[in-house]
């Protein structure tokens, strides 16, 4: 008797195994990370190879023995659902895609949280859209990753518990991870507003803010501090 699983997935890692096989690490919406062996997938006429590309959402079918549920899954079917082809033609987007996959793989291995799949799917979609400033997508990703890891950015109050106000400026304490009132601070009301938008909206929404490109550098630095990158 065998167990069958049909699911969407994003390929996190592919490792050549033997002469024609590959070991895959995949991230799924409902089952977290899975280890999968794709037998014969490196053969020239493999029917599975085209369905397990990087930078894509795939639909896969897996099987394993009911008696040995600790065993690795075996790939029996695969097809591409969405391939984010534009990422491949932009070096900077490609490099950040690798980093986003690496960071998500590490985090989803530590914490069993289905939102990691949605995070990675959404960041790949945004990276595929060249109209969206890459820094906006990066910043959005790091803020969301930090939130899933339990370290959400506080954009409501400063280090003294006082509400952040529009006519004030602030700096950000990277160690304490809080905003500090400072008349000459780098963070004004529009910058903090953009951070708030990034925390609760998509990169596509943030990209429509008229001055987002000018504000994003400071936002990006804060996001990396929060995500501890």
Protein backbone atom coordinates (compact mmCIF):
# COMPACT_ATOMS: atom_id res chain seq x y z
CA UNK A 1 0.00 0.00 0.00
CA UNK A 2 1.20 3.48 -0.80
CA UNK A 3 0.30 7.04 0.13
CA UNK A 4 -0.27 9.63 -2.60
CA UNK A 5 0.03 13.40 -2.23
CA UNK A 6 -0.89 15.97 -4.88
CA UNK A 7 0.20 19.51 -4.09
CA UNK A 8 1.59 22.76 -5.39
CA UNK A 9 5.20 23.45 -4.51
CA UNK A 10 8.19 25.71 -4.99
CA UNK A 11 11.56 24.04 -5.49
CA UNK A 12 14.01 25.12 -2.78
CA UNK A 13 16.94 22.90 -3.71
CA UNK A 14 17.94 20.37 -6.39
CA UNK A 15 20.87 18.00 -5.87
CA UNK A 16 22.12 15.53 -8.44
CA UNK A 17 22.03 11.94 -7.17
CA UNK A 18 23.51 8.95 -8.90
CA UNK A 19 23.69 9.03 -12.67
CA UNK A 20 20.18 10.21 -13.55
CA UNK A 21 18.27 11.12 -10.37
CA UNK A 22 17.82 14.28 -8.33
CA UNK A 23 17.00 14.88 -4.69
CA UNK A 24 14.59 17.79 -4.31
CA UNK A 25 13.68 19.90 -1.33
CA UNK A 26 10.27 21.46 -1.99
CA UNK A 27 8.09 23.90 -0.07
CA UNK A 28 4.35 23.19 -0.09
CA UNK A 29 1.31 25.18 1.11
CA UNK A 30 0.05 22.59 3.60
CA UNK A 31 2.87 20.16 4.27
CA UNK A 32 5.88 22.43 4.76
CA UNK A 33 9.20 21.22 3.42
CA UNK A 34 9.37 17.79 1.84
CA UNK A 35 12.30 15.72 0.59
CA UNK A 36 11.62 14.12 -2.77
CA UNK A 37 13.55 11.83 -5.08
CA UNK A 38 13.00 12.43 -8.79
CA UNK A 39 14.13 9.23 -10.48
CA UNK A 40 15.55 9.44 -13.99
CA UNK A 41 14.83 13.15 -14.16
CA UNK A 42 18.23 13.95 -15.67
CA UNK A 43 17.64 11.70 -18.63
CA UNK A 44 17.18 13.57 -21.90
CA UNK A 45 13.59 12.42 -22.44
CA UNK A 46 12.39 12.58 -18.84
CA UNK A 47 8.71 13.54 -18.64
CA UNK A 48 9.24 14.99 -15.17
CA UNK A 49 12.16 17.36 -15.80
CA UNK A 50 10.13 20.24 -17.22
CA UNK A 51 7.87 20.34 -14.19
CA UNK A 52 10.52 20.94 -11.53
CA UNK A 53 12.18 24.18 -12.61
CA UNK A 54 13.54 26.75 -10.18
CA UNK A 55 11.70 30.09 -9.89
CA UNK A 56 8.36 28.46 -10.57
CA UNK A 57 5.23 27.12 -8.93
CA UNK A 58 4.79 23.47 -9.83
CA UNK A 59 1.99 20.97 -9.38
CA UNK A 60 3.44 17.62 -8.32
CA UNK A 61 2.27 14.13 -7.45
CA UNK A 62 4.23 12.17 -4.83
CA UNK A 63 4.02 8.66 -3.43
CA UNK A 64 5.58 6.73 -0.57
CA UNK A 65 4.95 3.54 1.36
CA UNK A 66 2.35 3.65 4.11
CA UNK A 67 4.56 1.33 6.15
CA UNK A 68 7.55 3.67 6.00
CA UNK A 69 6.15 7.19 6.33
CA UNK A 70 9.57 8.47 7.34
CA UNK A 71 10.90 7.60 3.89
CA UNK A 72 11.55 10.17 1.19
CA UNK A 73 8.69 10.87 -1.19
CA UNK A 74 9.02 9.74 -4.83
CA UNK A 75 8.03 12.12 -7.62
CA UNK A 76 5.57 10.49 -10.01
CA UNK A 77 4.10 13.53 -11.76
CA UNK A 78 5.05 17.17 -12.29
CA UNK A 79 3.95 20.12 -14.37
CA UNK A 80 4.65 23.84 -14.26
CA UNK A 81 1.81 25.99 -13.00
CA UNK A 82 3.59 29.36 -13.18
CA UNK A 83 7.13 30.04 -14.41
CA UNK A 84 8.60 33.41 -13.46
CA UNK A 85 10.68 33.81 -16.61
CA UNK A 86 11.46 37.52 -16.23
CA UNK A 87 13.60 36.81 -13.17
CA UNK A 88 16.06 34.84 -15.29
CA UNK A 89 16.87 37.84 -17.50
CA UNK A 90 17.83 40.26 -14.70
CA UNK A 91 21.01 39.52 -12.75
CA UNK A 92 20.08 41.49 -9.62
CA UNK A 93 16.59 39.99 -9.44
CA UNK A 94 18.03 36.53 -10.03
CA UNK A 95 20.54 36.91 -7.20
CA UNK A 96 17.91 38.17 -4.79
CA UNK A 97 15.61 35.29 -5.80
CA UNK A 98 18.32 32.85 -4.74
CA UNK A 99 18.68 34.72 -1.44
CA UNK A 100 14.91 34.79 -0.82
CA UNK A 101 14.71 31.04 -1.45
CA UNK A 102 17.67 30.43 0.87
CA UNK A 103 16.23 32.57 3.67
CA UNK A 104 12.76 31.03 3.33
CA UNK A 105 14.19 27.51 3.27
CA UNK A 106 16.10 28.17 6.48
CA UNK A 107 13.11 29.75 8.24
CA UNK A 108 10.55 27.15 7.13
CA UNK A 109 12.83 24.38 8.35
CA UNK A 110 12.81 25.91 11.84
CA UNK A 111 9.11 26.83 12.02
CA UNK A 112 6.18 24.88 10.58
CA UNK A 113 4.16 27.76 9.16
CA UNK A 114 2.15 27.53 5.89
CA UNK A 115 2.56 31.26 5.28
CA UNK A 116 6.19 30.68 4.25
CA UNK A 117 4.93 29.18 0.99
CA UNK A 118 2.73 32.22 0.34
CA UNK A 119 5.63 34.54 1.20
CA UNK A 120 7.92 32.90 -1.34
CA UNK A 121 5.24 32.67 -4.03
CA UNK A 122 4.41 36.36 -3.63
CA UNK A 123 8.01 37.54 -3.66
CA UNK A 124 8.74 35.56 -6.84
CA UNK A 125 5.67 37.10 -8.47
CA UNK A 126 6.85 40.61 -7.52
CA UNK A 127 10.40 39.93 -8.71
CA UNK A 128 8.97 38.80 -12.04
CA UNK A 129 7.37 42.24 -12.50
CA UNK A 130 10.11 44.58 -13.67
CA UNK A 131 7.89 47.61 -13.09
CA UNK A 132 8.33 47.09 -9.35
CA UNK A 133 11.49 48.60 -7.88
CA UNK A 134 13.69 45.71 -6.72
CA UNK A 135 14.39 47.45 -3.40
CA UNK A 136 10.67 47.63 -2.67
CA UNK A 137 10.33 43.89 -3.17
CA UNK A 138 13.42 43.17 -1.06
CA UNK A 139 12.18 45.39 1.77
CA UNK A 140 8.72 43.84 1.67
CA UNK A 141 10.22 40.36 1.82
CA UNK A 142 12.46 41.06 4.82
CA UNK A 143 9.65 42.75 6.77
CA UNK A 144 7.31 39.82 6.14
CA UNK A 145 10.00 37.25 6.91
CA UNK A 146 10.74 38.97 10.23
CA UNK A 147 7.03 38.99 11.07
CA UNK A 148 6.72 35.24 10.43
CA UNK A 149 9.76 34.70 12.65
CA UNK A 150 8.02 36.61 15.45
CA UNK A 151 9.90 39.89 15.10
CA UNK A 152 7.39 42.29 13.55
CA UNK A 153 8.50 45.90 13.16
CA UNK A 154 6.81 48.30 15.59
CA UNK A 155 5.67 51.37 13.63
CA UNK A 156 3.22 52.55 16.31
CA UNK A 157 5.38 53.74 19.22
CA UNK A 158 8.93 54.85 19.96
CA UNK A 159 11.38 53.56 22.59
CA UNK A 160 9.47 55.39 25.32
CA UNK A 161 6.11 53.98 24.29
CA UNK A 162 5.02 57.30 22.79
CA UNK A 163 2.97 57.28 19.60
CA UNK A 164 4.94 58.08 16.44
CA UNK A 165 3.67 61.44 15.21
CA UNK A 166 3.66 62.99 11.73
CA UNK A 167 5.53 66.21 12.51
CA UNK A 168 8.49 64.47 14.19
CA UNK A 169 11.60 62.70 12.94
CA UNK A 170 13.18 59.54 14.27
CA UNK A 171 16.24 57.34 14.08
CA UNK A 172 16.14 53.57 14.43
CA UNK A 173 18.03 51.70 17.16
CA UNK A 174 19.15 48.47 15.48
CA UNK A 175 19.99 46.77 18.80
CA UNK A 176 16.72 47.55 20.56
CA UNK A 177 14.81 47.55 17.24
CA UNK A 178 12.76 50.63 18.05
CA UNK A 179 12.38 54.15 16.69
CA UNK A 180 13.92 56.95 18.78
CA UNK A 181 12.83 60.58 18.59
CA UNK A 182 15.55 62.71 16.95
CA UNK A 183 15.02 66.16 15.38
CA UNK A 184 17.67 65.31 12.78
CA UNK A 185 16.58 61.70 12.32
CA UNK A 186 16.45 59.93 8.94
CA UNK A 187 12.87 58.70 9.37
CA UNK A 188 10.07 61.17 8.75
CA UNK A 189 6.33 60.61 8.41
CA UNK A 190 6.39 59.58 4.68
CA UNK A 191 9.12 56.99 5.33
CA UNK A 192 7.28 55.48 8.30
CA UNK A 193 4.07 55.50 6.25
CA UNK A 194 5.80 53.49 3.53
CA UNK A 195 7.00 50.97 6.12
CA UNK A 196 3.43 50.61 7.39
CA UNK A 197 2.16 50.04 3.85
CA UNK A 198 4.83 47.40 3.22
CA UNK A 199 3.87 45.60 6.42
CA UNK A 200 0.24 45.07 5.42
CA UNK A 201 0.12 45.33 1.62
CA UNK A 202 1.76 43.77 -1.42
CA UNK A 203 4.89 45.06 -3.19
CA UNK A 204 2.60 46.02 -6.08
CA UNK A 205 0.63 48.34 -3.78
CA UNK A 206 3.77 49.90 -2.28
CA UNK A 207 5.20 50.50 -5.76
CA UNK A 208 2.26 52.78 -6.55
CA UNK A 209 3.30 55.26 -3.83
CA UNK A 210 4.59 58.27 -5.76
CA UNK A 211 7.83 58.81 -3.82
CA UNK A 212 8.48 55.21 -2.79
CA UNK A 213 11.71 55.00 -4.82
CA UNK A 214 13.21 57.91 -2.89
CA UNK A 215 12.21 56.57 0.52
CA UNK A 216 13.01 52.92 0.10
CA UNK A 217 16.72 52.95 1.03
CA UNK A 218 16.07 53.78 4.70
CA UNK A 219 13.15 51.36 4.75
CA UNK A 220 15.38 48.63 3.31
CA UNK A 221 17.99 49.11 6.02
CA UNK A 222 15.38 48.83 8.78
CA UNK A 223 13.88 45.70 7.22
CA UNK A 224 17.26 43.96 7.15
CA UNK A 225 17.91 44.89 10.77
CA UNK A 226 14.54 43.47 11.80
CA UNK A 227 15.06 40.28 9.79
CA UNK A 228 18.63 40.07 11.14
CA UNK A 229 20.11 39.68 7.66
